[in-house]
Amino acid sequence: MSQIELSERGDKKTVEDGELLMPKFDGDGLIVAVVTEVSSAEVLMVGYMNAEALKRTIETGEAWYWSRSRKGYWKKGETSGQIQQVHEILTDCDQDALVLKVSVAGNGATCHVGYRSCFFRKVVKPEDGAVRLERVEAEKVYDPADVYGKP
C-alpha cells in the first residue's frame, strides 16, 4: 500500500483552479489515463487507475493501472520489461482524466500484441463505403509469444 494521500473532492473553484490533486473517480472507482511518449507526445495507450494505482504511480515513478478484465493491479511492463517511467502526470480542469508522459524501457513497445503503440491502426472509409482498419505501424516491435508464451 502506498503512503501517498489524495485530497478529497472540493468545491468547483478549488477543483478547477486550486493546487490540490482531487481526482474524480467514476462509479467503478476508476479514472482514465491517456499515456503518451514524453519526447514525441505520441499516444501509446489508454489505461485506468483507481486511487491506489494512482498513488503507487506517484510514489514509485512507474506506471501502475487497474486491470478491469483481471480485476487487479497491473504494473505496466512487469512481465515484459517494458516498464513505463513516468516523467509527468497532468490532470484536466475537472480532474476526471489524466495524461501520463512516459518513457518506455525494454524494447520500447507498449502494446501487448507487439506494436509500439496500442493505436497502431486507423479507421479508413474506402470508396465502397465499407469501413476498415489500416495499419499506421508497419511492423511489430516484438513477438508477444516470446515474452508471454504461446496463446
C-alpha atoms as a PDB file:
ATOM      1  CA  MET A   1       0.000   0.000   0.000  1.00  0.00           C
ATOM      2  CA  SER A   2       1.158   3.475  -0.840  1.00  0.00           C
ATOM      3  CA  GLN A   3       1.778   6.212   1.713  1.00  0.00           C
ATOM      4  CA  ILE A   4       0.621   8.927  -0.735  1.00  0.00           C
ATOM      5  CA  GLU A   5      -2.614  10.686   0.204  1.00  0.00           C
ATOM      6  CA  LEU A   6      -5.008  12.200  -2.331  1.00  0.00           C
ATOM      7  CA  SER A   7      -7.214  15.139  -1.353  1.00  0.00           C
ATOM      8  CA  GLU A   8     -10.972  14.793  -1.037  1.00  0.00           C
ATOM      9  CA  ARG A   9     -13.052  16.480  -3.746  1.00  0.00           C
ATOM     10  CA  GLY A  10     -13.584  20.144  -3.028  1.00  0.00           C
ATOM     11  CA  ASP A  11     -15.820  22.832  -4.406  1.00  0.00           C
ATOM     12  CA  LYS A  12     -15.794  23.587  -8.135  1.00  0.00           C
ATOM     13  CA  LYS A  13     -13.372  26.524  -7.876  1.00  0.00           C
ATOM     14  CA  THR A  14     -10.887  24.532  -5.798  1.00  0.00           C
ATOM     15  CA  VAL A  15     -11.069  21.527  -8.138  1.00  0.00           C
ATOM     16  CA  GLU A  16     -10.767  23.598 -11.320  1.00  0.00           C
ATOM     17  CA  ASP A  17      -8.251  26.203 -10.215  1.00  0.00           C
ATOM     18  CA  GLY A  18      -6.676  25.001  -6.983  1.00  0.00           C
ATOM     19  CA  GLU A  19      -3.370  23.392  -6.127  1.00  0.00           C
ATOM     20  CA  LEU A  20      -4.611  20.088  -4.698  1.00  0.00           C
ATOM     21  CA  LEU A  21      -4.966  16.823  -6.585  1.00  0.00           C
ATOM     22  CA  MET A  22      -8.631  15.887  -6.115  1.00  0.00           C
ATOM     23  CA  PRO A  23      -9.241  13.183  -8.725  1.00  0.00           C
ATOM     24  CA  LYS A  24     -12.814  12.385  -9.695  1.00  0.00           C
ATOM     25  CA  PHE A  25     -13.132   8.622  -9.992  1.00  0.00           C
ATOM     26  CA  ASP A  26     -16.109   7.156 -11.850  1.00  0.00           C
ATOM     27  CA  GLY A  27     -18.791   4.885 -10.394  1.00  0.00           C
ATOM     28  CA  ASP A  28     -16.355   1.952 -10.552  1.00  0.00           C
ATOM     29  CA  GLY A  29     -13.688   3.935  -8.706  1.00  0.00           C
ATOM     30  CA  LEU A  30     -11.598   4.487 -11.853  1.00  0.00           C
ATOM     31  CA  ILE A  31     -10.093   7.421 -13.710  1.00  0.00           C
ATOM     32  CA  VAL A  32      -8.939   7.251 -17.346  1.00  0.00           C
ATOM     33  CA  ALA A  33      -5.232   7.738 -18.048  1.00  0.00           C
ATOM     34  CA  VAL A  34      -4.051   8.608 -21.553  1.00  0.00           C
ATOM     35  CA  VAL A  35      -0.403   7.588 -21.876  1.00  0.00           C
ATOM     36  CA  THR A  36       1.939   9.478 -24.204  1.00  0.00           C
ATOM     37  CA  GLU A  37       5.634   9.174 -25.015  1.00  0.00           C
ATOM     38  CA  VAL A  38       7.403  12.020 -23.209  1.00  0.00           C
ATOM     39  CA  SER A  39       9.613  13.212 -26.072  1.00  0.00           C
ATOM     40  CA  SER A  40       7.288  12.796 -29.066  1.00  0.00           C
ATOM     41  CA  ALA A  41       3.811  13.132 -27.450  1.00  0.00           C
ATOM     42  CA  GLU A  42       2.762  10.004 -29.403  1.00  0.00           C
ATOM     43  CA  VAL A  43      -0.282   8.385 -27.799  1.00  0.00           C
ATOM     44  CA  LEU A  44       0.788   4.937 -26.615  1.00  0.00           C
ATOM     45  CA  MET A  45      -2.212   3.576 -24.733  1.00  0.00           C
ATOM     46  CA  VAL A  46      -5.201   4.299 -22.529  1.00  0.00           C
ATOM     47  CA  GLY A  47      -5.447   2.708 -19.119  1.00  0.00           C
ATOM     48  CA  TYR A  48      -7.497   3.070 -15.979  1.00  0.00           C
ATOM     49  CA  MET A  49      -6.354   3.798 -12.449  1.00  0.00           C
ATOM     50  CA  ASN A  50      -8.090   3.509  -9.138  1.00  0.00           C
ATOM     51  CA  ALA A  51      -6.876   5.563  -6.177  1.00  0.00           C
ATOM     52  CA  GLU A  52      -4.262   3.004  -5.130  1.00  0.00           C
ATOM     53  CA  ALA A  53      -2.843   2.629  -8.662  1.00  0.00           C
ATOM     54  CA  LEU A  54      -2.546   6.415  -8.931  1.00  0.00           C
ATOM     55  CA  LYS A  55      -0.830   6.596  -5.543  1.00  0.00           C
ATOM     56  CA  ARG A  56       1.595   3.804  -6.495  1.00  0.00           C
ATOM     57  CA  THR A  57       2.393   5.612  -9.745  1.00  0.00           C
ATOM     58  CA  ILE A  58       3.102   8.891  -7.949  1.00  0.00           C
ATOM     59  CA  GLU A  59       5.164   7.158  -5.265  1.00  0.00           C
ATOM     60  CA  THR A  60       7.274   4.886  -7.500  1.00  0.00           C
ATOM     61  CA  GLY A  61       7.529   6.969 -10.673  1.00  0.00           C
ATOM     62  CA  GLU A  62       6.486   3.869 -12.635  1.00  0.00           C
ATOM     63  CA  ALA A  63       3.044   3.420 -14.180  1.00  0.00           C
ATOM     64  CA  TRP A  64       0.511   1.265 -12.336  1.00  0.00           C
ATOM     65  CA  TYR A  65      -3.024   0.611 -13.568  1.00  0.00           C
ATOM     66  CA  TRP A  66      -6.149  -1.217 -12.555  1.00  0.00           C
ATOM     67  CA  SER A  67      -6.936  -4.053 -14.956  1.00  0.00           C
ATOM     68  CA  ARG A  68     -10.678  -4.096 -15.484  1.00  0.00           C
ATOM     69  CA  SER A  69     -10.559  -7.554 -17.071  1.00  0.00           C
ATOM     70  CA  ARG A  70      -8.319  -9.173 -14.449  1.00  0.00           C
ATOM     71  CA  LYS A  71      -9.708  -7.102 -11.552  1.00  0.00           C
ATOM     72  CA  GLY A  72      -6.255  -6.423 -10.184  1.00  0.00           C
ATOM     73  CA  TYR A  73      -3.293  -4.078 -10.113  1.00  0.00           C
ATOM     74  CA  TRP A  74      -1.045  -4.088 -13.125  1.00  0.00           C
ATOM     75  CA  LYS A  75       2.434  -2.598 -13.210  1.00  0.00           C
ATOM     76  CA  LYS A  76       2.972  -1.954 -16.903  1.00  0.00           C
ATOM     77  CA  GLY A  77       5.990  -3.891 -18.110  1.00  0.00           C
ATOM     78  CA  GLU A  78       6.442  -6.024 -15.008  1.00  0.00           C
ATOM     79  CA  THR A  79       6.452  -9.201 -17.124  1.00  0.00           C
ATOM     80  CA  SER A  80       7.699  -7.851 -20.460  1.00  0.00           C
ATOM     81  CA  GLY A  81      10.340  -5.398 -19.219  1.00  0.00           C
ATOM     82  CA  GLN A  82       8.517  -2.520 -20.915  1.00  0.00           C
ATOM     83  CA  ILE A  83       8.273  -0.510 -17.684  1.00  0.00           C
ATOM     84  CA  GLN A  84       6.764   2.935 -18.142  1.00  0.00           C
ATOM     85  CA  GLN A  85       8.893   5.540 -16.342  1.00  0.00           C
ATOM     86  CA  VAL A  86       6.567   8.443 -15.562  1.00  0.00           C
ATOM     87  CA  HIS A  87       8.038  11.886 -16.220  1.00  0.00           C
ATOM     88  CA  GLU A  88       4.894  13.917 -15.697  1.00  0.00           C
ATOM     89  CA  ILE A  89       1.245  13.454 -14.764  1.00  0.00           C
ATOM     90  CA  LEU A  90      -1.271  16.020 -15.976  1.00  0.00           C
ATOM     91  CA  THR A  91      -4.908  16.300 -14.989  1.00  0.00           C
ATOM     92  CA  ASP A  92      -7.691  18.070 -16.831  1.00  0.00           C
ATOM     93  CA  CYS A  93      -9.635  21.021 -15.428  1.00  0.00           C
ATOM     94  CA  ASP A  94     -12.243  18.987 -13.549  1.00  0.00           C
ATOM     95  CA  GLN A  95      -9.726  16.302 -12.600  1.00  0.00           C
ATOM     96  CA  ASP A  96     -11.610  13.362 -14.127  1.00  0.00           C
ATOM     97  CA  ALA A  97      -8.903  12.383 -16.637  1.00  0.00           C
ATOM     98  CA  LEU A  98      -5.124  12.062 -16.549  1.00  0.00           C
ATOM     99  CA  VAL A  99      -2.302  12.226 -19.074  1.00  0.00           C
ATOM    100  CA  LEU A 100       0.872  10.348 -18.205  1.00  0.00           C
ATOM    101  CA  LYS A 101       4.027  11.348 -20.064  1.00  0.00           C
ATOM    102  CA  VAL A 102       6.299   8.321 -20.029  1.00  0.00           C
ATOM    103  CA  SER A 103       9.401   6.744 -21.472  1.00  0.00           C
ATOM    104  CA  VAL A 104       9.211   3.014 -22.093  1.00  0.00           C
ATOM    105  CA  ALA A 105      12.019   0.668 -21.049  1.00  0.00           C
ATOM    106  CA  GLY A 106      12.990  -2.574 -22.734  1.00  0.00           C
ATOM    107  CA  ASN A 107      12.266  -2.686 -26.443  1.00  0.00           C
ATOM    108  CA  GLY A 108      10.079   0.443 -26.250  1.00  0.00           C
ATOM    109  CA  ALA A 109       6.828  -1.280 -27.167  1.00  0.00           C
ATOM    110  CA  THR A 110       3.674  -0.585 -25.212  1.00  0.00           C
ATOM    111  CA  CYS A 111       1.044  -2.726 -26.894  1.00  0.00           C
ATOM    112  CA  HIS A 112       0.630  -6.288 -25.646  1.00  0.00           C
ATOM    113  CA  VAL A 113       0.239  -7.512 -29.238  1.00  0.00           C
ATOM    114  CA  GLY A 114       3.727  -6.255 -30.097  1.00  0.00           C
ATOM    115  CA  TYR A 115       3.374  -2.757 -31.540  1.00  0.00           C
ATOM    116  CA  ARG A 116       4.986   0.378 -30.136  1.00  0.00           C
ATOM    117  CA  SER A 117       1.579   1.991 -29.538  1.00  0.00           C
ATOM    118  CA  CYS A 118      -1.798   0.400 -28.856  1.00  0.00           C
ATOM    119  CA  PHE A 119      -3.062   2.813 -31.521  1.00  0.00           C
ATOM    120  CA  PHE A 120      -1.370   1.055 -34.444  1.00  0.00           C
ATOM    121  CA  ARG A 121      -4.396   1.199 -36.802  1.00  0.00           C
ATOM    122  CA  LYS A 122      -6.514   3.991 -38.196  1.00  0.00           C
ATOM    123  CA  VAL A 123     -10.089   3.987 -39.472  1.00  0.00           C
ATOM    124  CA  VAL A 124     -10.441   4.372 -43.235  1.00  0.00           C
ATOM    125  CA  LYS A 125     -13.536   4.550 -45.394  1.00  0.00           C
ATOM    126  CA  PRO A 126     -12.837   3.176 -48.852  1.00  0.00           C
ATOM    127  CA  GLU A 127     -14.839   4.073 -51.958  1.00  0.00           C
ATOM    128  CA  ASP A 128     -17.228   1.142 -51.447  1.00  0.00           C
ATOM    129  CA  GLY A 129     -18.249   2.535 -48.051  1.00  0.00           C
ATOM    130  CA  ALA A 130     -17.078  -0.459 -46.007  1.00  0.00           C
ATOM    131  CA  VAL A 131     -15.217   0.953 -43.025  1.00  0.00           C
ATOM    132  CA  ARG A 132     -11.988  -0.879 -42.279  1.00  0.00           C
ATOM    133  CA  LEU A 133      -8.753  -0.506 -40.360  1.00  0.00           C
ATOM    134  CA  GLU A 134      -5.357   0.247 -41.850  1.00  0.00           C
ATOM    135  CA  ARG A 135      -2.033  -0.141 -40.045  1.00  0.00           C
ATOM    136  CA  VAL A 136      -0.101   3.013 -39.247  1.00  0.00           C
ATOM    137  CA  GLU A 137       2.733   0.950 -37.735  1.00  0.00           C
ATOM    138  CA  ALA A 138       4.044  -1.426 -40.371  1.00  0.00           C
ATOM    139  CA  GLU A 139       5.816  -3.880 -38.096  1.00  0.00           C
ATOM    140  CA  LYS A 140       5.629  -5.149 -34.567  1.00  0.00           C
ATOM    141  CA  VAL A 141       8.472  -4.260 -32.229  1.00  0.00           C
ATOM    142  CA  TYR A 142       8.447  -7.769 -30.760  1.00  0.00           C
ATOM    143  CA  ASP A 143       6.584 -11.073 -30.825  1.00  0.00           C
ATOM    144  CA  PRO A 144       4.475 -11.336 -27.640  1.00  0.00           C
ATOM    145  CA  ALA A 145       4.790 -15.148 -27.737  1.00  0.00           C
ATOM    146  CA  ASP A 146       8.481 -14.672 -26.915  1.00  0.00           C
ATOM    147  CA  VAL A 147       7.507 -12.918 -23.667  1.00  0.00           C
ATOM    148  CA  TYR A 148       4.173 -14.410 -22.691  1.00  0.00           C
ATOM    149  CA  GLY A 149       4.368 -17.844 -24.314  1.00  0.00           C
ATOM    150  CA  LYS A 150       2.170 -19.320 -26.992  1.00  0.00           C
ATOM    151  CA  PRO A 151      -1.550 -18.409 -26.862  1.00  0.00           C
END
